[in-house]
Amino acid sequence: MTEGRSLRFSIYLLKPAIASYADAFDPDYLDGVEQAPSITTAEPNRTLVEANLSFWWQRKSSQRLPKFYPLLSPAFDLPDERLYSSNMSGVLFLTAANRKFAITFGYGHNFLREDAKVRDFGLKTALGAMDEEAIKDIEFSTPEAQPYQTKKQTGKGGGIFGFGISDVYDIIKFASGKSSREAGELGSSSVGGNDALKFNSKCAIEELPQKCARALQIYEERWYATRKNFGFIDYIRHEKDPSITSRLDEMLCQAFVVDASLLVLSPPDIVYEDMVRHPIIQRIIQDVERQNGVGFIFRENPRCLLAIEIEFSTSSKHILGGFTNASMMGLVGVVIGPEDKYAKIARIAKYAHKLKETGKAVDGLFLNVACYTTGEFMALVARP
């Protein structure tokens, strides 16, 4: 540990194809960048030697007066020589667990090539390292016809779905929260990440290789999915690797040349063909066909694969509302009620089907929903 204030660390994992630290640099940002010479001692620190440390720094601008100086100088005697400032940035390279890392300070992330970084390393590591019920800050986007981005924060922290996240459509870009006990080696009470893993710490430079190795373990073992319930972040991801996006751009341009009339620009959609083959979904589809006597119709543009409505209030209005929600929200819908109220739920189901037969319900509505008692549904999902 070091004395004084903690530092903000941003740790990037470099791709295995990066053979040397120099390969990670973006040539457009190297003007004025200098390599700091290492301090040689009679007894070198073995940890630092094995980590193969290399530090590069840059003064982003020459010394200058702050922007408020012209406004205030006519009225105040300001000490010019003490107001000059300049921005400093740097990147520290090191090797840990046979992988190369870049730790940036200030605007040091600009030194790195975009295609040198492992995408979402920080996000996946942070989600794996943090307490699931203590998320405090999250940024996500929704890929719709008019895409929008959302940032939400909470003081006390909470579960991810308390932020209004859809695990089917939304793309998480950044998350931060309280570190879990099992990730204690990171040495920070909170952790966050996007492409970079971010945390505050007073650690000494000798401790950085160990922290990077621990972060790599959390990432490679996919704690975010194997120990936490964040595996859905892999459903849809932004592709940001320039080597891939440039190739996609070329393919799109070629398609325009061949026949632009065949192209349709649209947000990504979820493909359910493989999911509906799951035995539980197949059983529910069979029960839908048996219960309505007509057949099963998939809803277009559902919000999820399976929508389940549990009816605690058994008024006719609430039950019919439950059928409507389950049908409209899910590709497949389920309505569950207590055994002693199931007869009423079944009657409302027949009423809903009658609305469909008489043309008073939109196409496909109610023809994707099965109803069960609590015991029946538990037995259905328990079957191998």
Protein backbone atom coordinates (compact mmCIF):
# COMPACT_ATOMS: atom_id res chain seq x y z
CA MET A 1 0.00 0.00 0.00
CA THR A 2 1.06 3.59 -0.66
CA GLU A 3 0.46 6.63 1.47
CA GLY A 4 -1.83 9.49 0.48
CA ARG A 5 -4.84 9.56 -1.81
CA SER A 6 -5.91 6.54 -3.81
CA LEU A 7 -5.42 6.47 -7.58
CA ARG A 8 -7.99 5.73 -10.24
CA PHE A 9 -6.82 2.74 -12.27
CA SER A 10 -8.09 1.86 -15.75
CA ILE A 11 -6.79 -1.57 -16.77
CA TYR A 12 -7.00 -2.81 -20.36
CA LEU A 13 -6.28 -6.38 -21.40
CA LEU A 14 -4.33 -6.49 -24.66
CA LYS A 15 -5.11 -9.08 -27.31
CA PRO A 16 -2.78 -12.11 -27.55
CA ALA A 17 -1.77 -10.98 -31.05
CA ILE A 18 0.02 -7.95 -29.54
CA ALA A 19 3.59 -9.26 -29.57
CA SER A 20 5.22 -6.20 -27.99
CA TYR A 21 4.06 -3.13 -26.10
CA ALA A 22 4.98 -0.96 -29.08
CA ASP A 23 2.41 -2.82 -31.20
CA ALA A 24 -0.39 -1.50 -28.97
CA PHE A 25 0.28 2.18 -29.73
CA ASP A 26 -1.97 4.24 -31.98
CA PRO A 27 0.43 6.16 -34.28
CA ASP A 28 -1.99 9.11 -34.48
CA TYR A 29 -1.45 9.91 -30.79
CA LEU A 30 2.29 9.44 -30.41
CA ASP A 31 3.40 13.01 -30.94
CA GLY A 32 5.34 14.04 -27.85
CA VAL A 33 5.06 10.67 -26.12
CA GLU A 34 8.19 9.71 -24.18
CA GLN A 35 9.31 6.52 -22.50
CA ALA A 36 10.39 6.90 -18.89
CA PRO A 37 13.74 5.20 -18.08
CA SER A 38 13.63 2.54 -15.39
CA ILE A 39 15.45 3.04 -12.11
CA THR A 40 18.27 0.56 -11.70
CA THR A 41 19.16 -0.72 -8.26
CA ALA A 42 21.75 -3.10 -6.88
CA GLU A 43 19.01 -5.56 -5.92
CA PRO A 44 16.21 -5.34 -8.52
CA ASN A 45 12.65 -6.04 -7.41
CA ARG A 46 11.92 -9.50 -8.79
CA THR A 47 8.18 -8.83 -9.12
CA LEU A 48 8.77 -5.75 -11.24
CA VAL A 49 11.38 -7.48 -13.37
CA GLU A 50 9.05 -10.41 -14.11
CA ALA A 51 6.22 -7.98 -14.93
CA ASN A 52 8.40 -6.30 -17.59
CA LEU A 53 7.13 -2.82 -16.72
CA SER A 54 7.25 0.00 -19.27
CA PHE A 55 5.86 3.51 -18.72
CA TRP A 56 5.14 6.09 -21.40
CA TRP A 57 3.94 9.60 -20.74
CA GLN A 58 2.90 12.72 -22.60
CA ARG A 59 2.21 16.33 -21.74
CA LYS A 60 -1.07 16.88 -23.57
CA SER A 61 -0.63 20.63 -23.87
CA SER A 62 1.87 23.33 -23.10
CA GLN A 63 1.42 25.27 -19.91
CA ARG A 64 -1.38 27.77 -20.20
CA LEU A 65 -3.60 29.99 -18.10
CA PRO A 66 -7.11 28.76 -17.24
CA LYS A 67 -10.06 29.90 -19.34
CA PHE A 68 -11.44 32.06 -16.55
CA TYR A 69 -8.29 34.21 -16.44
CA PRO A 70 -9.35 36.77 -19.11
CA LEU A 71 -12.69 37.24 -17.34
CA LEU A 72 -11.27 37.88 -13.87
CA SER A 73 -7.92 39.56 -14.54
CA PRO A 74 -9.38 43.10 -15.08
CA ALA A 75 -10.85 43.03 -11.57
CA PHE A 76 -8.38 40.91 -9.59
CA ASP A 77 -4.63 40.80 -9.08
CA LEU A 78 -4.07 37.15 -9.98
CA PRO A 79 -0.68 35.39 -9.50
CA ASP A 80 -0.08 34.43 -13.14
CA GLU A 81 2.89 32.17 -12.48
CA ARG A 82 0.88 30.04 -10.06
CA LEU A 83 -2.14 29.62 -12.34
CA TYR A 84 -0.36 27.97 -15.27
CA SER A 85 -1.24 24.30 -15.71
CA SER A 86 -0.95 21.47 -18.21
CA ASN A 87 -2.52 18.06 -18.66
CA MET A 88 -0.43 14.92 -18.20
CA SER A 89 -1.29 11.45 -19.46
CA GLY A 90 0.45 8.12 -19.30
CA VAL A 91 0.20 4.39 -19.87
CA LEU A 92 1.91 1.68 -17.85
CA PHE A 93 2.45 -1.65 -19.59
CA LEU A 94 3.03 -4.85 -17.65
CA THR A 95 2.85 -8.60 -18.10
CA ALA A 96 0.98 -10.86 -15.67
CA ALA A 97 -0.21 -14.47 -16.02
CA ASN A 98 1.40 -14.54 -19.49
CA ARG A 99 -0.83 -11.73 -20.76
CA LYS A 100 -0.05 -8.07 -21.49
CA PHE A 101 -1.96 -5.27 -19.78
CA ALA A 102 -2.09 -1.49 -20.22
CA ILE A 103 -2.94 0.70 -17.21
CA THR A 104 -3.83 4.23 -18.28
CA PHE A 105 -3.78 7.55 -16.45
CA GLY A 106 -5.41 10.76 -17.61
CA TYR A 107 -6.00 10.55 -21.35
CA GLY A 108 -3.53 7.70 -21.71
CA HIS A 109 -6.21 5.47 -23.24
CA ASN A 110 -5.80 7.51 -26.43
CA PHE A 111 -2.30 6.05 -26.83
CA LEU A 112 -3.76 2.60 -27.51
CA ARG A 113 -5.00 1.23 -30.81
CA GLU A 114 -8.68 0.33 -30.69
CA ASP A 115 -8.04 -3.11 -32.15
CA ALA A 116 -5.33 -3.83 -29.56
CA LYS A 117 -7.80 -3.98 -26.65
CA VAL A 118 -9.92 -6.96 -25.60
CA ARG A 119 -13.45 -5.61 -25.85
CA ASP A 120 -15.67 -5.67 -22.74
CA PHE A 121 -12.85 -7.01 -20.57
CA GLY A 122 -13.60 -4.42 -17.91
CA LEU A 123 -17.39 -4.85 -18.05
CA LYS A 124 -17.32 -8.63 -17.77
CA THR A 125 -14.67 -8.57 -15.05
CA ALA A 126 -16.50 -5.90 -13.06
CA LEU A 127 -19.84 -7.74 -13.26
CA GLY A 128 -18.11 -10.91 -12.12
CA ALA A 129 -16.39 -9.12 -9.24
CA MET A 130 -19.25 -7.04 -7.91
CA ASP A 131 -22.11 -7.83 -5.56
CA GLU A 132 -25.19 -8.60 -7.70
CA GLU A 133 -27.46 -6.63 -5.38
CA ALA A 134 -25.18 -3.61 -4.97
CA ILE A 135 -24.99 -2.11 -8.46
CA LYS A 136 -24.90 1.68 -8.25
CA ASP A 137 -24.28 2.95 -11.77
CA ILE A 138 -25.21 1.52 -15.15
CA GLU A 139 -25.20 2.71 -18.77
CA PHE A 140 -27.08 0.85 -21.49
CA SER A 141 -28.53 1.33 -24.95
CA THR A 142 -31.57 -0.10 -26.72
CA PRO A 143 -31.10 -1.01 -30.41
CA GLU A 144 -34.43 0.11 -31.81
CA ALA A 145 -35.37 2.03 -34.96
CA GLN A 146 -34.54 5.20 -32.99
CA PRO A 147 -31.81 3.94 -30.63
CA TYR A 148 -31.32 5.73 -27.35
CA GLN A 149 -28.82 5.52 -24.50
CA THR A 150 -29.65 5.58 -20.82
CA LYS A 151 -27.57 6.18 -17.71
CA LYS A 152 -29.00 5.41 -14.28
CA GLN A 153 -27.57 5.74 -10.79
CA THR A 154 -28.75 4.84 -7.33
CA GLY A 155 -27.40 5.79 -3.92
CA LYS A 156 -27.93 2.52 -2.05
CA GLY A 157 -27.35 0.11 -4.89
CA GLY A 158 -29.60 -2.68 -6.09
CA GLY A 159 -30.08 -5.55 -8.53
CA ILE A 160 -29.61 -4.98 -12.24
CA PHE A 161 -33.26 -5.43 -13.16
CA GLY A 162 -34.20 -2.71 -10.71
CA PHE A 163 -32.73 -0.31 -13.27
CA GLY A 164 -35.36 -1.30 -15.84
CA ILE A 165 -32.93 -3.40 -17.91
CA SER A 166 -34.29 -5.84 -20.49
CA ASP A 167 -32.05 -8.91 -20.61
CA VAL A 168 -33.22 -9.55 -24.17
CA TYR A 169 -32.90 -6.21 -25.95
CA ASP A 170 -30.71 -3.83 -23.94
CA ILE A 171 -26.94 -3.61 -24.40
CA ILE A 172 -25.03 -2.83 -21.20
CA LYS A 173 -22.06 -0.56 -21.86
CA PHE A 174 -20.82 0.23 -18.34
CA ALA A 175 -21.62 -0.92 -14.82
CA SER A 176 -20.16 -0.20 -11.41
CA GLY A 177 -20.99 -1.25 -7.89
CA LYS A 178 -19.75 -2.70 -4.61
CA SER A 179 -17.08 -5.39 -4.86
CA SER A 180 -18.01 -8.84 -3.61
CA ARG A 181 -15.99 -10.54 -0.91
CA GLU A 182 -14.68 -13.25 -3.26
CA ALA A 183 -13.04 -10.60 -5.44
CA GLY A 184 -11.18 -9.05 -2.52
CA GLU A 185 -7.77 -9.34 -4.17
CA LEU A 186 -8.64 -6.36 -6.36
CA GLY A 187 -8.28 -4.30 -3.19
CA SER A 188 -11.13 -1.87 -3.80
CA SER A 189 -14.54 -1.46 -2.20
CA SER A 190 -16.10 -0.68 -5.58
CA VAL A 191 -15.38 -1.74 -9.14
CA GLY A 192 -16.65 -0.78 -12.58
CA GLY A 193 -15.84 -1.34 -16.18
CA ASN A 194 -16.43 -1.08 -19.91
CA ASP A 195 -13.48 -2.03 -22.09
CA ALA A 196 -11.29 -1.12 -19.12
CA LEU A 197 -11.58 -2.40 -15.56
CA LYS A 198 -11.83 0.65 -13.28
CA PHE A 199 -11.28 0.94 -9.54
CA ASN A 200 -9.62 3.15 -6.93
CA SER A 201 -6.76 1.86 -4.84
CA LYS A 202 -3.72 2.90 -2.79
CA CYS A 203 -1.78 -0.14 -3.95
CA ALA A 204 1.96 -0.04 -4.53
CA ILE A 205 3.36 -0.68 -7.97
CA GLU A 206 4.55 -4.15 -6.88
CA GLU A 207 0.90 -5.15 -6.29
CA LEU A 208 -0.33 -4.31 -9.79
CA PRO A 209 0.75 -7.59 -11.47
CA GLN A 210 -1.18 -9.58 -8.85
CA LYS A 211 -4.30 -7.45 -9.36
CA CYS A 212 -4.08 -7.86 -13.13
CA ALA A 213 -3.68 -11.63 -12.77
CA ARG A 214 -6.73 -11.79 -10.50
CA ALA A 215 -8.78 -9.69 -12.91
CA LEU A 216 -7.75 -12.00 -15.75
CA GLN A 217 -8.87 -15.04 -13.77
CA ILE A 218 -12.30 -13.50 -13.11
CA TYR A 219 -12.61 -12.67 -16.80
CA GLU A 220 -11.43 -16.00 -18.23
CA GLU A 221 -13.55 -18.04 -15.80
CA ARG A 222 -16.58 -15.94 -16.84
CA TRP A 223 -17.65 -15.17 -13.29
CA TYR A 224 -20.25 -12.78 -14.68
CA ALA A 225 -22.10 -15.82 -16.09
CA THR A 226 -20.91 -18.81 -14.02
CA ARG A 227 -21.13 -17.21 -10.56
CA LYS A 228 -23.45 -14.28 -11.29
CA ASN A 229 -26.59 -13.93 -13.40
CA PHE A 230 -25.15 -11.60 -16.04
CA GLY A 231 -24.67 -14.08 -18.87
CA PHE A 232 -27.32 -12.28 -20.92
CA ILE A 233 -24.85 -9.50 -21.77
CA ASP A 234 -23.49 -11.84 -24.47
CA TYR A 235 -26.83 -11.92 -26.35
CA ILE A 236 -26.19 -8.70 -28.28
CA ARG A 237 -22.94 -6.73 -28.28
CA HIS A 238 -21.65 -3.77 -30.22
CA GLU A 239 -18.88 -4.74 -32.62
CA LYS A 240 -16.18 -2.10 -32.19
CA ASP A 241 -13.09 -3.83 -33.55
CA PRO A 242 -11.99 -1.69 -36.54
CA SER A 243 -10.65 -4.72 -38.39
CA ILE A 244 -14.10 -6.32 -38.26
CA THR A 245 -16.26 -3.21 -38.75
CA SER A 246 -14.22 -2.18 -41.82
CA ARG A 247 -14.84 -5.60 -43.35
CA LEU A 248 -18.57 -5.33 -42.58
CA ASP A 249 -18.62 -1.90 -44.23
CA GLU A 250 -17.01 -3.39 -47.34
CA MET A 251 -19.62 -6.16 -47.47
CA LEU A 252 -22.43 -3.63 -47.11
CA CYS A 253 -21.05 -1.47 -49.92
CA GLN A 254 -20.73 -4.53 -52.15
CA ALA A 255 -24.33 -5.47 -51.42
CA PHE A 256 -25.46 -1.98 -52.44
CA VAL A 257 -23.65 -2.35 -55.75
CA VAL A 258 -25.30 -5.72 -56.49
CA ASP A 259 -28.92 -4.77 -55.68
CA ALA A 260 -29.77 -2.10 -53.11
CA SER A 261 -33.49 -2.97 -53.33
CA LEU A 262 -32.82 -6.18 -51.41
CA LEU A 263 -31.38 -4.37 -48.37
CA VAL A 264 -33.41 -3.43 -45.33
CA LEU A 265 -31.85 -1.49 -42.46
CA SER A 266 -33.34 -2.52 -39.13
CA PRO A 267 -32.30 -2.99 -35.48
CA PRO A 268 -31.15 -6.51 -34.55
CA ASP A 269 -33.85 -8.98 -33.63
CA ILE A 270 -33.78 -12.06 -31.43
CA VAL A 271 -33.81 -15.39 -33.29
CA TYR A 272 -35.99 -17.85 -31.39
CA GLU A 273 -35.86 -20.90 -33.66
CA ASP A 274 -33.34 -22.75 -31.52
CA MET A 275 -34.90 -21.64 -28.24
CA VAL A 276 -38.39 -23.00 -29.01
CA ARG A 277 -36.90 -26.49 -29.38
CA HIS A 278 -36.32 -26.61 -25.63
CA PRO A 279 -38.41 -29.45 -24.09
CA ILE A 280 -40.24 -27.12 -21.67
CA ILE A 281 -41.25 -24.72 -24.45
CA GLN A 282 -42.38 -27.64 -26.61
CA ARG A 283 -44.59 -28.96 -23.76
CA ILE A 284 -46.17 -25.54 -23.28
CA ILE A 285 -46.88 -25.25 -27.03
CA GLN A 286 -48.57 -28.66 -26.95
CA ASP A 287 -50.69 -27.57 -23.97
CA VAL A 288 -51.70 -24.37 -25.80
CA GLU A 289 -52.94 -26.41 -28.77
CA ARG A 290 -54.76 -28.84 -26.48
CA GLN A 291 -56.42 -26.12 -24.42
CA ASN A 292 -57.65 -23.85 -27.22
CA GLY A 293 -58.41 -26.60 -29.76
CA VAL A 294 -57.28 -24.33 -32.62
CA GLY A 295 -53.50 -24.35 -32.74
CA PHE A 296 -50.52 -22.29 -31.72
CA ILE A 297 -49.59 -18.93 -33.28
CA PHE A 298 -46.29 -17.20 -32.51
CA ARG A 299 -46.60 -13.53 -31.64
CA GLU A 300 -44.67 -11.14 -33.87
CA ASN A 301 -42.06 -8.90 -32.23
CA PRO A 302 -42.30 -10.34 -28.67
CA ARG A 303 -40.35 -8.77 -25.84
CA CYS A 304 -39.18 -12.12 -24.44
CA LEU A 305 -39.23 -15.85 -25.13
CA LEU A 306 -41.51 -16.87 -22.25
CA ALA A 307 -43.87 -14.47 -20.43
CA ILE A 308 -45.32 -15.83 -17.17
CA GLU A 309 -48.25 -14.19 -15.36
CA ILE A 310 -48.96 -15.38 -11.81
CA GLU A 311 -52.49 -14.48 -10.73
CA PHE A 312 -52.68 -13.58 -7.06
CA SER A 313 -55.81 -11.47 -7.52
CA THR A 314 -58.44 -13.66 -9.15
CA SER A 315 -60.95 -11.06 -10.31
CA SER A 316 -62.09 -11.59 -13.90
CA LYS A 317 -60.60 -8.25 -14.92
CA HIS A 318 -57.15 -9.10 -13.55
CA ILE A 319 -57.15 -12.60 -15.01
CA LEU A 320 -58.07 -11.32 -18.49
CA GLY A 321 -55.36 -8.68 -18.14
CA GLY A 322 -52.89 -11.43 -17.25
CA PHE A 323 -53.78 -13.39 -20.39
CA THR A 324 -53.35 -10.24 -22.51
CA ASN A 325 -49.95 -9.41 -21.00
CA ALA A 326 -48.66 -12.97 -21.35
CA SER A 327 -49.79 -13.16 -24.97
CA MET A 328 -48.46 -9.77 -26.07
CA MET A 329 -45.13 -9.80 -24.20
CA GLY A 330 -43.96 -13.36 -24.84
CA LEU A 331 -43.35 -15.51 -27.86
CA VAL A 332 -44.95 -18.11 -25.60
CA GLY A 333 -47.22 -17.13 -22.70
CA VAL A 334 -48.17 -18.84 -19.43
CA VAL A 335 -50.83 -17.94 -16.86
CA ILE A 336 -50.53 -19.64 -13.45
CA GLY A 337 -53.09 -19.60 -10.63
CA PRO A 338 -53.81 -21.37 -7.33
CA GLU A 339 -55.56 -24.75 -7.48
CA ASP A 340 -58.74 -23.51 -5.81
CA LYS A 341 -59.17 -20.71 -8.36
CA TYR A 342 -58.14 -22.58 -11.49
CA ALA A 343 -61.71 -23.24 -12.67
CA LYS A 344 -62.28 -19.48 -12.95
CA ILE A 345 -59.00 -19.01 -14.79
CA ALA A 346 -60.01 -21.74 -17.26
CA ARG A 347 -63.37 -19.98 -17.86
CA ILE A 348 -61.60 -16.69 -18.59
CA ALA A 349 -59.30 -18.57 -20.99
CA LYS A 350 -62.36 -19.85 -22.91
CA TYR A 351 -63.78 -16.31 -22.92
CA ALA A 352 -60.50 -15.00 -24.35
CA HIS A 353 -60.57 -17.62 -27.10
CA LYS A 354 -64.20 -16.67 -27.84
CA LEU A 355 -63.11 -13.05 -28.31
CA LYS A 356 -60.60 -14.33 -30.85
CA GLU A 357 -63.19 -16.43 -32.69
CA THR A 358 -65.61 -13.51 -33.01
CA GLY A 359 -62.93 -11.18 -34.35
CA LYS A 360 -62.82 -8.94 -31.28
CA ALA A 361 -59.15 -9.70 -30.59
CA VAL A 362 -56.22 -8.87 -32.85
CA ASP A 363 -54.59 -11.60 -34.91
CA GLY A 364 -52.65 -14.09 -32.85
CA LEU A 365 -53.74 -12.73 -29.47
CA PHE A 366 -54.37 -15.46 -26.86
CA LEU A 367 -53.33 -18.27 -29.25
CA ASN A 368 -49.89 -18.54 -27.67
CA VAL A 369 -50.94 -18.85 -24.00
CA ALA A 370 -51.44 -21.91 -21.78
CA CYS A 371 -52.85 -21.83 -18.25
CA TYR A 372 -51.79 -24.04 -15.34
CA THR A 373 -52.31 -24.56 -11.66
CA THR A 374 -49.25 -23.97 -9.52
CA GLY A 375 -48.71 -27.70 -9.09
CA GLU A 376 -49.11 -28.45 -12.80
CA PHE A 377 -46.53 -25.88 -13.82
CA MET A 378 -44.02 -26.99 -11.21
CA ALA A 379 -44.41 -30.58 -12.43
CA LEU A 380 -43.98 -29.44 -16.06
CA VAL A 381 -40.64 -27.69 -15.46
CA ALA A 382 -39.41 -30.53 -13.20
CA ARG A 383 -39.78 -33.14 -15.94
CA PRO A 384 -36.47 -34.12 -17.59
